[in-house]
N, C-alpha and C. Protein backbone atom coordinates (compact mmCIF):
# COMPACT_ATOMS: atom_id res chain seq x y z
N GLN A 1 83.02 84.14 111.03
CA GLN A 1 83.64 84.95 112.07
C GLN A 1 84.86 85.67 111.52
N LEU A 2 84.93 86.97 111.77
CA LEU A 2 86.07 87.75 111.31
C LEU A 2 87.24 87.56 112.28
N ARG A 3 88.45 87.53 111.73
CA ARG A 3 89.63 87.27 112.54
C ARG A 3 90.33 88.55 113.00
N VAL A 4 90.07 89.67 112.35
CA VAL A 4 90.71 90.92 112.75
C VAL A 4 90.34 91.24 114.19
N ARG A 5 91.24 91.90 114.90
CA ARG A 5 91.00 92.20 116.31
C ARG A 5 89.75 93.06 116.48
N ARG A 6 89.01 92.74 117.52
CA ARG A 6 87.75 93.44 117.76
C ARG A 6 87.97 94.93 117.99
N LEU A 7 89.07 95.30 118.62
CA LEU A 7 89.34 96.72 118.87
C LEU A 7 89.46 97.48 117.56
N LEU A 8 90.19 96.92 116.58
CA LEU A 8 90.34 97.58 115.29
C LEU A 8 88.99 97.71 114.58
N LEU A 9 88.19 96.65 114.64
CA LEU A 9 86.91 96.68 113.98
C LEU A 9 85.97 97.68 114.64
N ASP A 10 85.95 97.70 115.97
CA ASP A 10 85.08 98.64 116.67
C ASP A 10 85.46 100.08 116.38
N ARG A 11 86.76 100.37 116.31
CA ARG A 11 87.21 101.74 116.03
C ARG A 11 86.96 102.14 114.58
N SER A 12 86.70 101.18 113.72
CA SER A 12 86.40 101.51 112.33
C SER A 12 85.00 102.10 112.19
N PHE A 13 84.12 101.78 113.13
CA PHE A 13 82.75 102.28 113.07
C PHE A 13 82.67 103.59 113.86
N VAL A 14 82.42 104.68 113.15
CA VAL A 14 82.38 105.99 113.77
C VAL A 14 81.11 106.16 114.60
N PHE A 15 80.01 105.60 114.13
CA PHE A 15 78.76 105.71 114.87
C PHE A 15 78.69 104.63 115.94
N SER A 16 77.85 104.81 116.92
CA SER A 16 77.76 103.89 118.05
C SER A 16 76.31 103.42 118.21
N PRO A 17 76.09 102.31 118.93
CA PRO A 17 74.73 101.85 119.18
C PRO A 17 73.91 102.90 119.92
N ALA A 18 72.63 102.89 119.63
CA ALA A 18 71.66 103.80 120.27
C ALA A 18 71.88 105.26 119.86
N ALA A 19 72.67 105.48 118.81
CA ALA A 19 72.89 106.84 118.32
C ALA A 19 72.22 107.01 116.97
N VAL A 20 72.06 108.26 116.58
CA VAL A 20 71.50 108.55 115.27
C VAL A 20 72.58 108.34 114.21
N LEU A 21 72.28 107.57 113.18
CA LEU A 21 73.23 107.31 112.10
C LEU A 21 73.12 108.43 111.06
N ARG A 22 74.20 109.16 110.89
CA ARG A 22 74.23 110.25 109.93
C ARG A 22 75.14 109.87 108.75
N LEU A 23 74.84 110.45 107.60
CA LEU A 23 75.58 110.11 106.39
C LEU A 23 77.09 110.34 106.53
N PRO A 24 77.57 111.47 107.09
CA PRO A 24 79.03 111.63 107.24
C PRO A 24 79.67 110.54 108.09
N ASP A 25 78.95 110.07 109.10
CA ASP A 25 79.50 108.99 109.94
C ASP A 25 79.59 107.68 109.15
N LEU A 26 78.58 107.41 108.33
CA LEU A 26 78.61 106.21 107.49
C LEU A 26 79.76 106.29 106.49
N GLN A 27 79.96 107.45 105.88
CA GLN A 27 81.04 107.62 104.91
C GLN A 27 82.41 107.49 105.58
N ALA A 28 82.56 108.04 106.78
CA ALA A 28 83.82 107.91 107.51
C ALA A 28 84.09 106.46 107.88
N THR A 29 83.03 105.73 108.25
CA THR A 29 83.18 104.31 108.56
C THR A 29 83.64 103.53 107.35
N GLN A 30 83.05 103.79 106.20
CA GLN A 30 83.46 103.10 104.98
C GLN A 30 84.91 103.43 104.63
N ALA A 31 85.33 104.67 104.83
CA ALA A 31 86.71 105.05 104.52
C ALA A 31 87.69 104.30 105.44
N ARG A 32 87.34 104.15 106.70
CA ARG A 32 88.22 103.43 107.62
C ARG A 32 88.27 101.94 107.29
N LEU A 33 87.14 101.36 106.94
CA LEU A 33 87.14 99.94 106.56
C LEU A 33 87.98 99.71 105.31
N ASN A 34 87.88 100.62 104.34
CA ASN A 34 88.71 100.49 103.14
C ASN A 34 90.18 100.64 103.47
N HIS A 35 90.49 101.50 104.45
CA HIS A 35 91.88 101.78 104.81
C HIS A 35 92.56 100.58 105.44
N LEU A 36 91.79 99.67 106.03
CA LEU A 36 92.39 98.49 106.63
C LEU A 36 92.99 97.57 105.58
N GLY A 37 92.43 97.57 104.38
CA GLY A 37 92.99 96.77 103.29
C GLY A 37 92.72 95.29 103.39
N ILE A 38 91.79 94.86 104.22
CA ILE A 38 91.51 93.43 104.38
C ILE A 38 90.07 93.07 104.03
N PHE A 39 89.28 94.06 103.61
CA PHE A 39 87.88 93.80 103.26
C PHE A 39 87.65 94.17 101.79
N PRO A 40 87.93 93.26 100.85
CA PRO A 40 87.68 93.57 99.44
C PRO A 40 86.20 93.73 99.14
N ILE A 41 85.35 93.04 99.89
CA ILE A 41 83.90 93.13 99.73
C ILE A 41 83.28 93.19 101.11
N TYR A 42 82.42 94.17 101.31
CA TYR A 42 81.67 94.23 102.57
C TYR A 42 80.35 94.93 102.32
N HIS A 43 79.44 94.76 103.27
CA HIS A 43 78.08 95.31 103.12
C HIS A 43 77.59 95.73 104.50
N ILE A 44 77.13 96.98 104.61
CA ILE A 44 76.54 97.49 105.84
C ILE A 44 75.04 97.62 105.61
N ALA A 45 74.26 96.88 106.38
CA ALA A 45 72.81 96.85 106.18
C ALA A 45 72.09 97.33 107.42
N LEU A 46 71.00 98.03 107.22
CA LEU A 46 70.13 98.46 108.31
C LEU A 46 68.96 97.48 108.41
N ARG A 47 68.75 96.95 109.59
CA ARG A 47 67.68 95.99 109.82
C ARG A 47 66.70 96.57 110.83
N ALA A 48 65.45 96.75 110.41
CA ALA A 48 64.43 97.34 111.28
C ALA A 48 64.13 96.41 112.45
N ARG A 49 64.06 96.98 113.63
CA ARG A 49 63.69 96.21 114.80
C ARG A 49 62.20 95.89 114.76
N PRO A 50 61.79 94.78 115.35
CA PRO A 50 60.36 94.46 115.36
C PRO A 50 59.56 95.49 116.16
N GLU A 51 58.30 95.59 115.83
CA GLU A 51 57.46 96.58 116.49
C GLU A 51 57.36 96.34 118.00
N SER A 52 57.58 95.10 118.40
CA SER A 52 57.49 94.79 119.83
C SER A 52 58.74 95.16 120.60
N ALA A 53 59.78 95.63 119.93
CA ALA A 53 61.03 95.97 120.60
C ALA A 53 60.81 97.16 121.52
N SER A 54 61.53 97.17 122.65
CA SER A 54 61.39 98.26 123.62
C SER A 54 61.89 99.58 123.07
N ALA A 55 62.92 99.53 122.22
CA ALA A 55 63.48 100.74 121.62
C ALA A 55 63.35 100.62 120.10
N PRO A 56 62.37 101.29 119.49
CA PRO A 56 62.21 101.19 118.04
C PRO A 56 63.39 101.82 117.31
N GLY A 57 63.63 101.36 116.12
CA GLY A 57 64.73 101.88 115.32
C GLY A 57 65.31 100.80 114.44
N PHE A 58 66.63 100.88 114.23
CA PHE A 58 67.30 99.94 113.34
C PHE A 58 68.56 99.39 114.01
N ASP A 59 68.90 98.18 113.63
CA ASP A 59 70.19 97.61 113.97
C ASP A 59 71.06 97.59 112.72
N VAL A 60 72.36 97.62 112.93
CA VAL A 60 73.31 97.60 111.82
C VAL A 60 73.96 96.22 111.72
N ASP A 61 73.87 95.63 110.55
CA ASP A 61 74.53 94.36 110.29
C ASP A 61 75.72 94.59 109.37
N PHE A 62 76.85 94.00 109.72
CA PHE A 62 78.07 94.14 108.92
C PHE A 62 78.44 92.76 108.38
N HIS A 63 78.43 92.64 107.06
CA HIS A 63 78.81 91.39 106.39
C HIS A 63 80.03 91.68 105.52
N ALA A 64 81.04 90.83 105.63
CA ALA A 64 82.28 91.13 104.91
C ALA A 64 82.99 89.85 104.49
N VAL A 65 83.69 89.94 103.37
CA VAL A 65 84.67 88.95 102.96
C VAL A 65 86.02 89.46 103.43
N GLU A 66 86.70 88.67 104.24
CA GLU A 66 87.94 89.13 104.87
C GLU A 66 89.15 88.44 104.26
N ARG A 67 90.17 89.24 103.92
CA ARG A 67 91.45 88.66 103.53
C ARG A 67 92.20 88.28 104.80
N ASP A 68 92.65 87.04 104.85
CA ASP A 68 93.38 86.58 106.02
C ASP A 68 94.43 85.57 105.58
N GLY A 69 95.69 85.83 105.92
CA GLY A 69 96.76 84.95 105.49
C GLY A 69 96.93 85.00 103.97
N PHE A 70 97.22 83.85 103.38
CA PHE A 70 97.34 83.77 101.93
C PHE A 70 95.98 83.68 101.25
N GLY A 71 94.94 83.37 102.00
CA GLY A 71 93.61 83.24 101.44
C GLY A 71 92.75 82.36 102.33
N ASN A 72 91.45 82.38 102.08
CA ASN A 72 90.54 81.59 102.90
C ASN A 72 90.54 80.12 102.53
N SER A 73 91.16 79.78 101.42
CA SER A 73 91.25 78.39 101.01
C SER A 73 92.53 78.20 100.19
N ARG A 74 92.91 76.96 99.99
CA ARG A 74 94.11 76.69 99.20
C ARG A 74 93.94 77.14 97.76
N ALA A 75 92.73 76.94 97.21
CA ALA A 75 92.48 77.36 95.83
C ALA A 75 92.58 78.87 95.70
N GLN A 76 92.01 79.60 96.66
CA GLN A 76 92.07 81.06 96.60
C GLN A 76 93.52 81.54 96.71
N ALA A 77 94.31 80.91 97.56
CA ALA A 77 95.71 81.30 97.72
C ALA A 77 96.49 81.06 96.43
N LEU A 78 96.24 79.93 95.76
CA LEU A 78 96.95 79.62 94.52
C LEU A 78 96.56 80.58 93.40
N ILE A 79 95.26 80.91 93.32
CA ILE A 79 94.80 81.80 92.24
C ILE A 79 95.33 83.21 92.45
N SER A 80 95.25 83.72 93.70
CA SER A 80 95.71 85.09 93.95
C SER A 80 97.21 85.22 93.78
N THR A 81 97.96 84.16 94.05
CA THR A 81 99.42 84.23 93.95
C THR A 81 99.91 83.98 92.53
N PHE A 82 99.35 82.95 91.89
CA PHE A 82 99.89 82.52 90.59
C PHE A 82 98.94 82.81 89.43
N GLY A 83 97.91 83.64 89.66
CA GLY A 83 96.95 83.93 88.61
C GLY A 83 97.56 84.58 87.38
N GLY A 84 98.65 85.32 87.54
CA GLY A 84 99.28 85.98 86.41
C GLY A 84 100.55 85.31 85.93
N ALA A 85 100.80 84.07 86.37
CA ALA A 85 102.06 83.40 86.03
C ALA A 85 102.22 83.21 84.52
N PHE A 86 101.12 83.12 83.79
CA PHE A 86 101.21 82.96 82.33
C PHE A 86 101.92 84.15 81.70
N TYR A 87 101.78 85.34 82.32
CA TYR A 87 102.44 86.55 81.82
C TYR A 87 103.75 86.83 82.55
N GLU A 88 104.20 85.88 83.36
CA GLU A 88 105.49 85.87 84.05
C GLU A 88 105.58 86.75 85.29
N PRO A 89 104.47 87.21 85.90
CA PRO A 89 104.56 87.73 87.27
C PRO A 89 103.76 86.86 88.23
N ILE A 90 104.14 86.87 89.50
CA ILE A 90 103.36 86.27 90.57
C ILE A 90 103.20 87.32 91.67
N TYR A 91 102.14 87.15 92.49
CA TYR A 91 101.80 88.16 93.48
C TYR A 91 101.67 87.53 94.87
N PRO A 92 102.74 87.10 95.48
CA PRO A 92 102.62 86.55 96.84
C PRO A 92 102.23 87.64 97.84
N SER A 93 101.14 87.44 98.56
CA SER A 93 100.66 88.43 99.53
C SER A 93 100.14 87.71 100.76
N TYR A 94 100.30 88.36 101.90
CA TYR A 94 99.83 87.79 103.16
C TYR A 94 99.15 88.91 103.94
N TYR A 95 97.89 88.68 104.33
CA TYR A 95 97.07 89.74 104.92
C TYR A 95 96.72 89.46 106.38
N ASN A 96 96.42 90.54 107.07
CA ASN A 96 95.93 90.47 108.45
C ASN A 96 96.91 89.73 109.36
N ILE A 97 98.17 90.11 109.25
CA ILE A 97 99.21 89.48 110.06
C ILE A 97 98.97 89.78 111.54
N GLY A 98 98.96 88.76 112.37
CA GLY A 98 98.73 88.93 113.80
C GLY A 98 97.35 89.46 114.13
N ARG A 99 96.41 89.34 113.17
CA ARG A 99 95.04 89.84 113.33
C ARG A 99 95.00 91.37 113.50
N ASP A 100 96.07 92.06 113.07
CA ASP A 100 96.19 93.50 113.25
C ASP A 100 96.01 94.27 111.95
N ALA A 101 95.45 93.65 110.90
CA ALA A 101 95.29 94.30 109.59
C ALA A 101 96.62 94.78 109.03
N ALA A 102 97.70 94.09 109.38
CA ALA A 102 99.01 94.35 108.78
C ALA A 102 99.14 93.49 107.53
N ASN A 103 99.50 94.11 106.42
CA ASN A 103 99.48 93.41 105.14
C ASN A 103 100.85 93.44 104.47
N LEU A 104 101.20 92.30 103.88
CA LEU A 104 102.45 92.17 103.13
C LEU A 104 102.08 91.85 101.68
N ASP A 105 102.40 92.77 100.78
CA ASP A 105 102.13 92.59 99.35
C ASP A 105 103.44 92.54 98.60
N SER A 106 103.47 91.76 97.53
CA SER A 106 104.70 91.66 96.74
C SER A 106 104.37 91.30 95.30
N LEU A 107 105.33 91.55 94.45
CA LEU A 107 105.24 91.21 93.03
C LEU A 107 106.62 90.76 92.57
N LEU A 108 106.65 89.66 91.85
CA LEU A 108 107.90 89.17 91.27
C LEU A 108 107.66 88.89 89.79
N ARG A 109 108.38 89.60 88.93
CA ARG A 109 108.27 89.40 87.49
C ARG A 109 109.65 89.02 86.97
N TRP A 110 109.75 87.87 86.34
CA TRP A 110 111.04 87.35 85.89
C TRP A 110 111.22 87.47 84.38
N ASP A 111 110.40 88.28 83.72
CA ASP A 111 110.58 88.54 82.29
C ASP A 111 111.99 89.07 82.05
N SER A 112 112.70 88.47 81.10
CA SER A 112 114.10 88.85 80.86
C SER A 112 114.23 90.29 80.38
N GLN A 113 113.15 90.87 79.83
CA GLN A 113 113.20 92.24 79.34
C GLN A 113 112.75 93.26 80.38
N LYS A 114 112.02 92.82 81.38
CA LYS A 114 111.51 93.76 82.38
C LYS A 114 111.38 93.08 83.75
N TYR A 115 112.51 92.71 84.30
CA TYR A 115 112.54 92.10 85.63
C TYR A 115 112.10 93.12 86.68
N ARG A 116 111.32 92.65 87.68
CA ARG A 116 110.89 93.55 88.76
C ARG A 116 110.62 92.75 90.02
N PHE A 117 111.05 93.31 91.15
CA PHE A 117 110.71 92.78 92.47
C PHE A 117 110.21 93.93 93.33
N TRP A 118 108.97 93.82 93.79
CA TRP A 118 108.34 94.86 94.60
C TRP A 118 107.80 94.24 95.88
N LEU A 119 108.04 94.91 97.02
CA LEU A 119 107.61 94.40 98.32
C LEU A 119 107.10 95.57 99.15
N SER A 120 105.93 95.41 99.76
CA SER A 120 105.32 96.47 100.56
C SER A 120 104.75 95.88 101.84
N TYR A 121 104.97 96.60 102.94
CA TYR A 121 104.39 96.20 104.23
C TYR A 121 103.70 97.41 104.83
N SER A 122 102.46 97.24 105.26
CA SER A 122 101.70 98.34 105.85
C SER A 122 100.92 97.84 107.05
N ALA A 123 100.65 98.75 107.99
CA ALA A 123 99.94 98.38 109.21
C ALA A 123 99.33 99.62 109.83
N PRO A 124 98.27 99.45 110.62
CA PRO A 124 97.69 100.59 111.35
C PRO A 124 98.66 101.08 112.43
N VAL A 125 98.47 102.32 112.83
CA VAL A 125 99.29 102.93 113.88
C VAL A 125 98.56 102.77 115.21
N ARG A 126 99.15 102.01 116.12
CA ARG A 126 98.63 101.86 117.48
C ARG A 126 97.14 101.47 117.49
N ALA A 127 96.78 100.55 116.58
CA ALA A 127 95.42 100.00 116.52
C ALA A 127 94.37 101.04 116.17
N PHE A 128 94.76 102.10 115.47
CA PHE A 128 93.80 103.08 114.98
C PHE A 128 93.63 102.87 113.48
N PRO A 129 92.45 102.44 113.03
CA PRO A 129 92.27 102.12 111.61
C PRO A 129 92.39 103.32 110.69
N GLN A 130 92.20 104.54 111.21
CA GLN A 130 92.29 105.73 110.37
C GLN A 130 93.72 106.17 110.11
N LEU A 131 94.69 105.58 110.83
CA LEU A 131 96.11 105.93 110.66
C LEU A 131 96.85 104.70 110.15
N ARG A 132 97.70 104.89 109.14
CA ARG A 132 98.41 103.74 108.58
C ARG A 132 99.78 104.16 108.04
N TRP A 133 100.77 103.34 108.30
CA TRP A 133 102.10 103.57 107.76
C TRP A 133 102.45 102.43 106.80
N ALA A 134 103.39 102.70 105.91
CA ALA A 134 103.78 101.70 104.91
C ALA A 134 105.25 101.88 104.54
N LEU A 135 105.91 100.78 104.29
CA LEU A 135 107.27 100.75 103.76
C LEU A 135 107.27 99.88 102.50
N ALA A 136 108.04 100.30 101.50
CA ALA A 136 108.07 99.55 100.25
C ALA A 136 109.44 99.64 99.62
N THR A 137 109.78 98.60 98.87
CA THR A 137 111.01 98.60 98.08
C THR A 137 110.67 98.09 96.69
N ASP A 138 111.35 98.64 95.69
CA ASP A 138 111.07 98.30 94.30
C ASP A 138 112.38 98.19 93.55
N ASP A 139 112.64 97.05 92.92
CA ASP A 139 113.88 96.80 92.20
C ASP A 139 113.53 96.40 90.77
N ARG A 140 114.06 97.15 89.80
CA ARG A 140 113.74 96.90 88.40
C ARG A 140 115.02 96.79 87.58
N ASP A 141 114.96 95.94 86.56
CA ASP A 141 116.04 95.80 85.57
C ASP A 141 115.35 95.63 84.22
N GLU A 142 115.30 96.72 83.43
CA GLU A 142 114.46 96.73 82.23
C GLU A 142 115.27 97.14 81.00
N ASN A 143 114.94 96.51 79.88
CA ASN A 143 115.52 96.87 78.60
C ASN A 143 114.50 97.69 77.81
N TRP A 144 114.93 98.86 77.35
CA TRP A 144 114.05 99.77 76.63
C TRP A 144 114.57 100.00 75.22
N THR A 145 113.65 99.94 74.27
CA THR A 145 113.97 100.25 72.88
C THR A 145 112.90 101.20 72.35
N ILE A 146 113.33 102.29 71.76
CA ILE A 146 112.39 103.28 71.22
C ILE A 146 112.24 103.06 69.72
N ARG A 147 110.97 102.88 69.30
CA ARG A 147 110.65 102.70 67.88
C ARG A 147 109.47 103.62 67.53
N ARG A 148 109.25 103.77 66.25
CA ARG A 148 108.13 104.60 65.79
C ARG A 148 106.82 103.84 65.77
N SER A 149 106.86 102.52 65.94
CA SER A 149 105.65 101.71 65.84
C SER A 149 105.73 100.57 66.83
N PHE A 150 104.57 100.12 67.31
CA PHE A 150 104.52 98.98 68.22
C PHE A 150 104.58 97.66 67.45
N THR A 151 104.26 97.70 66.19
CA THR A 151 104.18 96.47 65.40
C THR A 151 105.17 96.54 64.25
N GLY A 152 105.43 95.38 63.68
CA GLY A 152 106.32 95.32 62.53
C GLY A 152 107.78 95.44 62.92
N MET A 153 108.63 95.59 61.93
CA MET A 153 110.08 95.67 62.13
C MET A 153 110.54 97.11 62.01
N ALA A 154 109.95 98.00 62.78
CA ALA A 154 110.36 99.40 62.76
C ALA A 154 111.79 99.53 63.28
N PRO A 155 112.59 100.37 62.67
CA PRO A 155 113.98 100.51 63.13
C PRO A 155 114.06 101.11 64.53
N ALA A 156 115.07 100.69 65.28
CA ALA A 156 115.27 101.20 66.63
C ALA A 156 115.89 102.60 66.57
N LEU A 157 115.29 103.53 67.32
CA LEU A 157 115.80 104.89 67.39
C LEU A 157 116.72 105.10 68.59
N GLY A 158 116.90 104.07 69.37
CA GLY A 158 117.74 104.14 70.55
C GLY A 158 117.33 103.05 71.53
N SER A 159 118.25 102.63 72.37
CA SER A 159 117.94 101.59 73.36
C SER A 159 118.86 101.76 74.56
N LEU A 160 118.41 101.20 75.67
CA LEU A 160 119.21 101.25 76.89
C LEU A 160 118.70 100.21 77.88
N ASN A 161 119.51 99.95 78.87
CA ASN A 161 119.13 99.10 80.00
C ASN A 161 119.03 99.99 81.24
N LEU A 162 117.89 99.94 81.90
CA LEU A 162 117.64 100.77 83.07
C LEU A 162 117.60 99.89 84.32
N GLN A 163 118.41 100.23 85.29
CA GLN A 163 118.37 99.60 86.60
C GLN A 163 117.92 100.64 87.61
N ARG A 164 116.91 100.30 88.40
CA ARG A 164 116.33 101.26 89.34
C ARG A 164 116.00 100.56 90.64
N GLU A 165 116.48 101.12 91.75
CA GLU A 165 116.15 100.62 93.08
C GLU A 165 115.57 101.76 93.90
N THR A 166 114.46 101.49 94.57
CA THR A 166 113.82 102.53 95.40
C THR A 166 113.47 101.95 96.77
N LEU A 167 113.46 102.83 97.74
CA LEU A 167 112.98 102.54 99.08
C LEU A 167 112.08 103.69 99.49
N SER A 168 110.86 103.41 99.86
CA SER A 168 109.89 104.46 100.15
C SER A 168 109.16 104.17 101.45
N GLY A 169 108.65 105.24 102.05
CA GLY A 169 107.85 105.14 103.26
C GLY A 169 106.74 106.17 103.21
N SER A 170 105.61 105.85 103.81
CA SER A 170 104.48 106.78 103.77
C SER A 170 103.65 106.65 105.04
N PHE A 171 102.92 107.72 105.32
CA PHE A 171 101.97 107.76 106.43
C PHE A 171 100.68 108.38 105.91
N THR A 172 99.55 107.72 106.15
CA THR A 172 98.26 108.18 105.65
C THR A 172 97.28 108.27 106.80
N ALA A 173 96.49 109.35 106.79
CA ALA A 173 95.47 109.56 107.82
C ALA A 173 94.14 109.83 107.13
N VAL A 174 93.12 109.10 107.55
CA VAL A 174 91.76 109.31 107.06
C VAL A 174 91.05 110.22 108.05
N GLN A 175 90.73 111.42 107.63
CA GLN A 175 90.07 112.38 108.51
C GLN A 175 88.55 112.19 108.52
N SER A 176 87.99 111.87 107.37
CA SER A 176 86.55 111.69 107.26
C SER A 176 86.28 110.88 106.00
N GLY A 177 85.00 110.79 105.64
CA GLY A 177 84.68 110.07 104.42
C GLY A 177 85.08 110.80 103.16
N ARG A 178 85.38 112.10 103.27
CA ARG A 178 85.73 112.90 102.10
C ARG A 178 87.14 113.46 102.14
N LEU A 179 87.82 113.33 103.26
CA LEU A 179 89.13 113.96 103.40
C LEU A 179 90.13 112.99 104.00
N SER A 180 91.25 112.86 103.33
CA SER A 180 92.39 112.10 103.86
C SER A 180 93.66 112.79 103.37
N TRP A 181 94.75 112.56 104.07
CA TRP A 181 96.02 113.15 103.66
C TRP A 181 97.13 112.14 103.90
N SER A 182 98.20 112.32 103.18
CA SER A 182 99.33 111.39 103.29
C SER A 182 100.64 112.15 103.15
N LEU A 183 101.67 111.56 103.75
CA LEU A 183 103.02 112.10 103.71
C LEU A 183 103.96 110.96 103.38
N GLY A 184 104.82 111.16 102.42
CA GLY A 184 105.71 110.08 102.03
C GLY A 184 107.05 110.58 101.53
N THR A 185 108.01 109.68 101.48
CA THR A 185 109.33 110.00 100.96
C THR A 185 109.87 108.79 100.22
N GLU A 186 110.76 109.03 99.28
CA GLU A 186 111.34 107.94 98.49
C GLU A 186 112.80 108.22 98.19
N LEU A 187 113.62 107.22 98.37
CA LEU A 187 115.03 107.26 97.95
C LEU A 187 115.18 106.33 96.76
N SER A 188 115.84 106.80 95.72
CA SER A 188 115.96 105.99 94.52
C SER A 188 117.36 106.12 93.92
N HIS A 189 117.75 105.07 93.21
CA HIS A 189 119.03 105.06 92.49
C HIS A 189 118.77 104.49 91.10
N ARG A 190 119.28 105.16 90.08
CA ARG A 190 119.10 104.72 88.71
C ARG A 190 120.46 104.58 88.04
N ALA A 191 120.58 103.58 87.22
CA ALA A 191 121.79 103.36 86.44
C ALA A 191 121.38 103.02 85.01
N TYR A 192 122.03 103.65 84.03
CA TYR A 192 121.75 103.41 82.62
C TYR A 192 122.94 102.70 82.01
N ARG A 193 122.71 101.53 81.45
CA ARG A 193 123.78 100.73 80.86
C ARG A 193 123.43 100.39 79.42
N ARG A 194 124.46 100.03 78.69
CA ARG A 194 124.31 99.59 77.29
C ARG A 194 123.45 100.59 76.50
N VAL A 195 123.77 101.86 76.62
CA VAL A 195 123.02 102.90 75.91
C VAL A 195 123.46 102.91 74.45
N ALA A 196 122.50 102.69 73.56
CA ALA A 196 122.78 102.75 72.11
C ALA A 196 122.25 104.08 71.59
N ASP A 197 123.19 104.98 71.26
CA ASP A 197 122.78 106.30 70.76
C ASP A 197 122.06 106.15 69.43
N GLY A 198 121.02 106.91 69.27
CA GLY A 198 120.29 106.97 68.01
C GLY A 198 119.68 108.35 67.88
N SER A 199 118.75 108.50 66.96
CA SER A 199 118.13 109.79 66.77
C SER A 199 117.29 110.18 67.99
N ALA A 200 116.91 109.20 68.85
CA ALA A 200 116.11 109.52 70.02
C ALA A 200 116.96 109.96 71.20
N PHE A 201 118.24 109.60 71.22
CA PHE A 201 119.12 109.93 72.32
C PHE A 201 120.28 110.77 71.85
N THR A 202 120.69 111.70 72.70
CA THR A 202 121.93 112.42 72.46
C THR A 202 122.99 111.82 73.35
N PRO A 203 124.27 112.02 73.04
CA PRO A 203 125.33 111.46 73.89
C PRO A 203 125.22 111.88 75.36
N ALA A 204 124.65 113.06 75.59
CA ALA A 204 124.52 113.53 76.98
C ALA A 204 123.46 112.74 77.75
């Protein structure tokens, strides 16, 4: 049983029962389902009605794997959150908040050379799956060194520490299976510290 609200799921399907299923309607339905962000895997199947049925034709079956909460099991939650811990990031995420397909995604990387904290929250607009808004923040503290080679002891041509904080917002609308548009804005602040001038950098 899917936990997302029935209204959101029903509005995701552009075609209706007892109607002719056309390819553009199927493509628009798939675009809306993808836009919800809670169905990593799903399958839409046509099942022929038996010959004895009063109305010949096909029924539509929808089968899906749904993201809900931290995961469908404790093991899934641990793997999705800490699967990259060996490389020093974790990805705490919580999906389908309030059964409204509202999703909270985040990333925390504690690498001393490239610290990063990213947090994003998105949700449908007034229970319409084709409309979605999102807010995100991104905080980075990274050390950069420019060299001529990725390997060996190549001399440094310059280095710096970059601090960057951003706050962004966006609105996306799915018009059909082939057309969508989005509007977004971002505020950012950057600071450069410990700049070591070299042949790659000028004092300016």
